[in-house]
Protein backbone atom coordinates (compact mmCIF):
# COMPACT_ATOMS: atom_id res chain seq x y z
CA MET A 1 115.43 99.84 102.85
CA SER A 2 118.09 100.41 105.78
CA GLN A 3 115.13 101.65 108.01
CA ALA A 4 112.99 98.58 107.13
CA PRO A 5 112.71 95.75 109.79
CA ALA A 6 115.12 92.86 109.36
CA ALA A 7 112.16 90.50 108.79
CA LEU A 8 111.26 92.57 105.67
CA ARG A 9 114.64 92.96 104.52
CA SER A 10 114.88 89.21 104.52
CA ILE A 11 111.43 89.14 102.39
CA TYR A 12 113.03 91.39 100.11
CA GLU A 13 116.11 89.45 99.23
CA PRO A 14 115.16 87.86 95.89
CA ILE A 15 114.19 91.45 94.44
CA GLN A 16 116.70 93.60 96.33
CA ASP A 17 118.34 94.88 92.92
CA GLY A 18 114.98 95.82 91.84
CA ILE A 19 114.43 97.70 95.15
CA ARG A 20 117.72 99.44 94.59
CA GLY A 21 116.66 100.24 91.26
CA VAL A 22 113.52 102.16 92.56
CA GLU A 23 115.68 104.05 94.99
CA GLU A 24 118.00 105.17 92.23
CA VAL A 25 115.11 106.31 89.99
CA LEU A 26 113.54 108.23 92.84
CA ARG A 27 116.72 110.03 93.50
CA ALA A 28 117.10 110.72 89.74
CA GLU A 29 113.49 111.61 89.21
CA LEU A 30 113.02 113.85 92.13
CA ALA A 31 116.35 115.93 91.91
CA HIS A 32 115.80 119.65 91.30
CA GLU A 33 117.74 122.74 91.03
CA ASN A 34 115.20 124.94 93.21
CA PRO A 35 117.12 125.19 96.72
CA PHE A 36 113.52 125.26 98.49
CA VAL A 37 112.14 122.07 96.47
CA THR A 38 115.44 120.19 97.32
CA ALA A 39 115.21 120.87 101.01
CA LEU A 40 111.66 119.48 101.07
CA LEU A 41 112.71 116.59 98.88
CA GLU A 42 115.56 115.72 101.29
CA HIS A 43 113.30 116.02 104.26
CA SER A 44 110.78 113.51 102.73
CA THR A 45 113.64 111.02 101.91
CA ARG A 46 113.61 110.63 105.76
CA PHE A 47 110.25 109.41 105.55
CA ALA A 48 111.33 106.28 103.54
CA GLY A 49 109.50 103.42 104.78
CA LYS A 50 108.94 99.65 103.98
CA ARG A 51 108.60 100.04 100.19
CA VAL A 52 105.74 97.52 100.41
CA ARG A 53 104.03 98.87 97.18
CA PRO A 54 107.09 98.59 94.86
CA GLY A 55 107.95 95.40 96.37
CA LEU A 56 104.50 94.02 95.56
CA LEU A 57 104.96 95.36 92.08
CA LEU A 58 108.19 93.68 91.50
CA TYR A 59 107.05 90.44 92.94
CA ALA A 60 103.95 90.51 90.88
CA ALA A 61 106.09 90.78 87.69
CA HIS A 62 108.22 87.98 88.51
CA ILE A 63 105.40 85.74 89.05
CA LEU A 64 103.73 86.94 85.90
CA GLY A 65 106.81 86.50 83.66
CA GLU A 66 109.85 88.84 84.40
CA ALA A 67 110.74 92.03 86.26
CA ARG A 68 112.02 94.70 83.78
CA ASP A 69 113.22 98.29 84.02
CA VAL A 70 109.56 99.21 83.27
CA HIS A 71 108.61 97.54 86.46
CA VAL A 72 111.43 99.24 88.45
CA ARG A 73 110.16 102.67 87.16
CA LEU A 74 106.48 101.84 87.92
CA GLY A 75 107.60 100.87 91.43
CA ALA A 76 108.78 104.48 91.52
CA VAL A 77 105.75 105.97 90.36
CA VAL A 78 103.62 104.09 92.87
CA GLU A 79 105.91 104.86 95.74
CA MET A 80 105.97 108.81 94.65
CA LEU A 81 102.16 108.55 94.85
CA HIS A 82 102.17 106.98 98.51
CA THR A 83 104.48 109.60 99.47
CA ALA A 84 102.25 112.14 98.18
CA THR A 85 99.35 110.89 100.03
CA LEU A 86 101.24 110.54 103.24
CA VAL A 87 102.30 114.59 102.81
CA HIS A 88 98.75 115.53 102.64
CA ASP A 89 97.55 113.05 105.31
CA ASP A 90 99.82 114.75 107.65
CA VAL A 91 98.30 118.04 106.75
CA LEU A 92 94.72 116.62 107.03
CA ASP A 93 95.64 115.14 110.36
CA GLU A 94 97.63 117.97 111.59
CA ALA A 95 100.27 115.27 112.35
CA SER A 96 103.66 116.47 113.65
CA LEU A 97 105.72 113.39 113.53
CA ARG A 98 106.34 110.56 111.03
CA ARG A 99 108.95 107.77 111.29
CA GLN A 100 110.66 109.68 114.21
CA VAL A 101 110.97 112.85 111.80
CA LYS A 102 109.06 116.22 111.96
CA THR A 103 106.36 116.20 109.17
CA LEU A 104 106.72 118.70 106.57
CA ASN A 105 103.72 120.58 107.71
CA ASP A 106 105.28 120.95 111.14
CA VAL A 107 108.44 122.38 109.70
CA TRP A 108 107.28 124.44 106.62
CA GLY A 109 103.52 124.91 107.18
CA ASN A 110 100.37 123.52 105.13
CA GLU A 111 100.84 125.64 101.94
CA ALA A 112 104.13 124.25 101.50
CA SER A 113 103.36 120.65 102.23
CA ILE A 114 100.20 120.67 99.92
CA LEU A 115 102.06 121.90 97.20
CA PHE A 116 104.82 119.48 97.65
CA GLY A 117 102.24 116.81 97.74
CA ASP A 118 100.81 117.95 94.38
CA TYR A 119 104.53 118.26 93.02
CA LEU A 120 105.06 114.49 93.96
CA PHE A 121 101.54 113.59 92.06
CA ALA A 122 102.70 115.63 89.21
CA LYS A 123 106.23 113.75 89.17
CA ALA A 124 104.61 110.21 89.31
CA TYR A 125 102.43 111.06 86.37
CA THR A 126 105.40 112.58 84.42
CA LEU A 127 107.44 109.44 84.95
CA ALA A 128 104.59 107.32 84.18
CA ALA A 129 103.93 109.20 80.67
CA LYS A 130 107.59 108.60 79.93
CA LEU A 131 106.87 104.91 79.60
CA HIS A 132 104.23 105.14 76.93
CA HIS A 133 102.14 102.56 78.11
CA ARG A 134 98.48 103.63 78.03
CA ASP A 135 97.02 100.83 80.05
CA ALA A 136 99.42 101.40 83.12
CA ASN A 137 98.51 105.09 83.00
CA MET A 138 94.91 104.40 82.88
CA ILE A 139 95.35 102.07 86.03
CA LEU A 140 97.29 104.58 87.90
CA ALA A 141 94.85 107.55 87.12
CA LYS A 142 91.72 105.33 88.27
CA THR A 143 93.66 104.53 91.35
CA VAL A 144 94.33 107.79 92.51
CA GLU A 145 90.68 108.90 91.61
CA GLU A 146 89.59 105.88 94.17
CA MET A 147 92.16 107.04 96.53
CA CYS A 148 90.91 110.53 96.80
CA VAL A 149 87.24 109.21 96.67
CA GLY A 150 88.17 107.15 99.91
CA GLU A 151 89.53 110.29 101.77
CA LEU A 152 86.47 112.37 100.85
CA TRP A 153 84.20 109.42 101.77
CA GLN A 154 86.02 109.47 105.01
CA ILE A 155 85.66 113.08 105.73
CA SER A 156 81.83 112.76 105.00
CA THR A 157 81.67 110.33 107.58
CA LYS A 158 83.38 111.99 110.67
CA PHE A 159 81.66 111.84 113.81
CA ASN A 160 79.10 109.55 112.03
CA LEU A 161 78.23 107.14 115.10
CA ASP A 162 75.99 104.72 112.83
CA LEU A 163 78.64 104.04 110.13
CA THR A 164 78.62 100.29 109.35
CA GLU A 165 81.82 97.97 109.43
CA GLU A 166 80.85 97.47 105.55
CA GLN A 167 80.88 100.98 104.62
CA TYR A 168 84.32 101.33 106.64
CA LEU A 169 85.89 98.63 104.73
CA LYS A 170 84.68 100.17 101.49
CA VAL A 171 86.48 103.41 102.71
CA ILE A 172 89.82 101.64 103.54
CA TYR A 173 89.82 99.95 100.20
CA CYS A 174 89.69 102.96 98.48
CA LYS A 175 92.24 104.89 100.74
CA THR A 176 94.68 102.08 100.96
CA GLY A 177 93.75 98.99 99.47
CA SER A 178 93.50 100.17 95.86
CA LEU A 179 97.04 101.35 95.74
CA PHE A 180 98.06 97.96 97.02
CA ALA A 181 95.93 96.16 94.25
CA THR A 182 97.33 98.32 91.74
CA SER A 183 100.84 97.69 92.56
CA CYS A 184 100.23 94.10 91.88
CA ARG A 185 98.22 94.66 88.73
CA LEU A 186 101.18 96.89 87.30
CA GLY A 187 103.33 93.50 87.49
CA SER A 188 101.45 92.37 84.41
CA VAL A 189 102.98 95.37 82.32
CA ASP A 190 104.87 93.90 79.22
CA ASN A 191 104.23 90.25 80.64
CA PRO A 192 101.88 88.20 78.82
CA ALA A 193 99.53 87.13 81.60
CA GLU A 194 95.92 85.71 81.68
CA PRO A 195 93.57 88.14 83.14
CA ALA A 196 92.50 85.68 86.00
CA ARG A 197 96.12 85.53 87.12
CA VAL A 198 96.52 89.53 87.26
CA ASP A 199 93.00 89.56 88.90
CA ALA A 200 94.14 87.00 91.46
CA LEU A 201 97.29 89.01 92.43
CA ALA A 202 95.28 92.35 92.49
CA ARG A 203 92.95 90.59 94.99
CA TYR A 204 95.95 89.60 97.05
CA GLY A 205 97.03 93.12 97.25
CA SER A 206 93.61 94.50 98.00
CA CYS A 207 93.40 92.16 100.88
CA ILE A 208 96.85 92.74 102.38
CA GLY A 209 96.11 96.49 101.88
CA THR A 210 92.73 96.20 103.77
CA ALA A 211 94.74 94.25 106.53
CA PHE A 212 97.55 96.74 106.48
CA GLN A 213 94.76 99.72 107.20
CA ILE A 214 92.97 97.62 109.92
CA VAL A 215 96.26 97.10 111.86
CA ASP A 216 97.24 100.90 111.28
CA ASP A 217 93.88 101.76 112.72
CA CYS A 218 94.38 99.63 115.68
CA LEU A 219 98.02 101.00 116.35
CA ASP A 220 96.66 104.67 116.09
CA ILE A 221 94.45 104.08 119.26
CA THR A 222 96.79 101.74 121.43
CA GLY A 223 100.08 102.02 119.66
CA ASP A 224 103.25 103.69 121.41
CA GLU A 225 104.14 106.88 119.76
CA GLY A 226 107.80 106.43 120.34
CA GLU A 227 107.80 103.06 119.04
CA MET A 228 105.70 104.00 116.20
CA GLY A 229 107.52 106.94 115.39
CA LYS A 230 104.61 109.15 114.27
CA SER A 231 101.50 111.18 115.57
CA LEU A 232 98.93 109.00 117.09
CA GLY A 233 95.35 109.25 118.04
CA THR A 234 94.55 111.63 115.15
CA ASP A 235 91.59 109.42 114.07
CA LEU A 236 89.75 109.83 117.29
CA GLU A 237 90.49 113.62 117.52
CA LYS A 238 89.36 114.11 113.87
CA GLY A 239 86.24 112.08 114.44
CA LYS A 240 87.17 109.22 112.00
CA LEU A 241 85.27 106.13 113.38
CA THR A 242 87.68 103.16 112.60
CA LEU A 243 87.02 99.23 113.36
CA PRO A 244 88.05 99.28 117.06
CA VAL A 245 85.59 102.08 117.68
CA LEU A 246 82.83 100.66 115.43
CA LYS A 247 83.34 97.24 117.08
CA LEU A 248 83.20 98.90 120.53
CA LEU A 249 79.96 100.81 119.88
CA ARG A 250 78.38 97.60 118.32
CA ASP A 251 79.23 95.75 121.63
CA LEU A 252 78.06 98.18 123.97
CA SER A 253 74.58 97.99 125.60
CA PRO A 254 72.54 101.06 124.98
CA ARG A 255 72.88 102.43 128.37
CA ASP A 256 76.69 102.12 128.00
CA ARG A 257 76.85 103.30 124.76
CA LYS A 258 74.84 106.56 125.09
CA PRO A 259 77.82 108.26 127.50
CA LEU A 260 80.51 106.98 124.84
CA GLU A 261 78.53 108.41 122.08
CA THR A 262 78.42 111.67 123.97
CA LEU A 263 82.18 111.69 124.84
CA LEU A 264 83.13 110.83 121.11
CA LEU A 265 81.14 114.02 119.94
CA ASP A 266 82.57 116.35 122.40
CA LYS A 267 85.60 117.96 120.98
CA ALA A 268 86.49 119.77 124.21
CA ARG A 269 87.73 116.85 125.92
CA PRO A 270 90.30 114.86 123.63
CA ASP A 271 92.51 113.26 126.52
CA GLU A 272 89.37 111.95 128.33
CA ARG A 273 88.06 110.60 125.05
CA ARG A 274 91.21 108.80 124.30
CA ASP A 275 91.66 107.38 127.82
CA THR A 276 88.24 106.13 128.01
CA VAL A 277 88.18 104.46 124.36
CA VAL A 278 91.51 102.80 125.28
CA ARG A 279 90.16 101.38 128.55
CA LEU A 280 86.99 100.06 127.13
CA ILE A 281 88.94 98.59 123.86
CA GLN A 282 91.10 96.83 126.34
CA GLU A 283 88.52 95.60 128.87
CA ARG A 284 86.24 94.30 126.10
CA GLU A 285 89.08 92.66 124.07
CA VAL A 286 88.10 94.77 120.87
CA LEU A 287 91.70 94.60 119.47
CA PRO A 288 91.97 90.81 119.19
CA TRP A 289 88.59 90.67 117.41
CA CYS A 290 90.10 93.58 115.10
CA LEU A 291 93.27 91.64 114.41
CA ARG A 292 91.35 88.52 113.62
CA ARG A 293 89.48 90.48 111.03
CA ALA A 294 92.84 91.51 109.68
CA SER A 295 94.14 88.03 109.56
CA ASP A 296 91.10 86.78 107.93
CA TYR A 297 92.01 89.24 104.81
CA VAL A 298 95.72 87.99 105.08
CA ASP A 299 94.17 84.20 104.71
CA GLU A 300 92.31 85.35 101.82
CA ALA A 301 95.21 86.93 100.17
CA LYS A 302 97.42 83.69 100.56
CA ALA A 303 94.36 81.61 99.17
CA CYS A 304 94.83 83.95 95.98
CA LEU A 305 98.40 82.70 95.63
CA ARG A 306 97.41 79.15 95.41
CA GLY A 307 96.82 79.15 91.75
CA PHE A 308 100.48 80.02 91.00
CA ARG A 309 103.37 77.69 90.69
CA ASP A 310 105.18 77.57 94.15
CA SER A 311 108.32 79.60 94.01
CA VAL A 312 110.29 81.91 96.14
CA TYR A 313 108.29 84.84 94.81
CA THR A 314 104.92 83.40 95.95
CA GLU A 315 106.46 82.06 99.35
CA ASN A 316 107.69 85.48 100.14
CA LEU A 317 104.42 87.23 99.16
CA SER A 318 102.93 84.76 101.73
CA LEU A 319 105.23 85.99 104.35
CA LEU A 320 104.87 89.70 103.36
CA ALA A 321 101.23 89.11 104.13
CA ASP A 322 101.85 87.70 107.58
CA PHE A 323 104.32 90.63 108.07
CA VAL A 324 101.33 93.09 107.56
CA VAL A 325 99.42 91.74 110.67
CA ASP A 326 102.58 91.17 112.85
CA ARG A 327 104.25 94.46 112.45
CA ARG A 328 104.16 96.77 115.33
CA THR A 329 105.22 100.04 113.32
């Protein structure tokens, strides 16, 4: 958490012991005698980010009853799953930088990166199996299935200029929102909670996960690579149609849209494509509209918390929702 923004560290104050516990479990479970695996593991720890998903799980556990050791271990599981997806995403995007550090694929190549991502998935399932909790394992398995479907769905829509906003939102729920929702849902493990309360927290997670991805997609186009600390512009280069581009295409007249469509489909002019898209997005104030859509999801997430007794845990989940749309990295 030393790399997390100060605002986020403050939000995590009530669960800091749990977050430290997650870090300890990750170190213990991922230790390996093979020197190459160890090198990959040590490098991947430099990607350690905001720990949002374990944080959601721990807060949900406190709200639904009590945060126990099982929740700390499940927090490590969801973080392993998240890290595995980052490793695979960097291969798919041919990214060379993440959180100011060279990606695994840039240092060791795609073969090692793919296998290491698979290793992290396997370690996550091994740790989950040790908990002997059938429902938790079923939830996790279903979530990974959804995440894979989301990635496959996005691949199938590359350069599809007729993609709708509704389809885009379904894709990013599967890719991102589902693991946020599951992190909240896993807070119910070993806590006697009414299904409606668990569903409300899962919906909260789904909403902020969707908002998180919308902001990420905006930053991929107009963010600063030095500030973000990761490769940007990969969505445009790979033909992934995200909300800012979909909004831009929808707003343009047929006459203005046609040359942009031609440019988006032209793989030989990446710099011109990005410069043109950024200019048009800024001229037409597309980003403020997209960020309002993200804020709508944050408002819905906060509404999901109103059925719970006020506490430092619900208050900080509300602050975490705001952090999602206010972040710049």
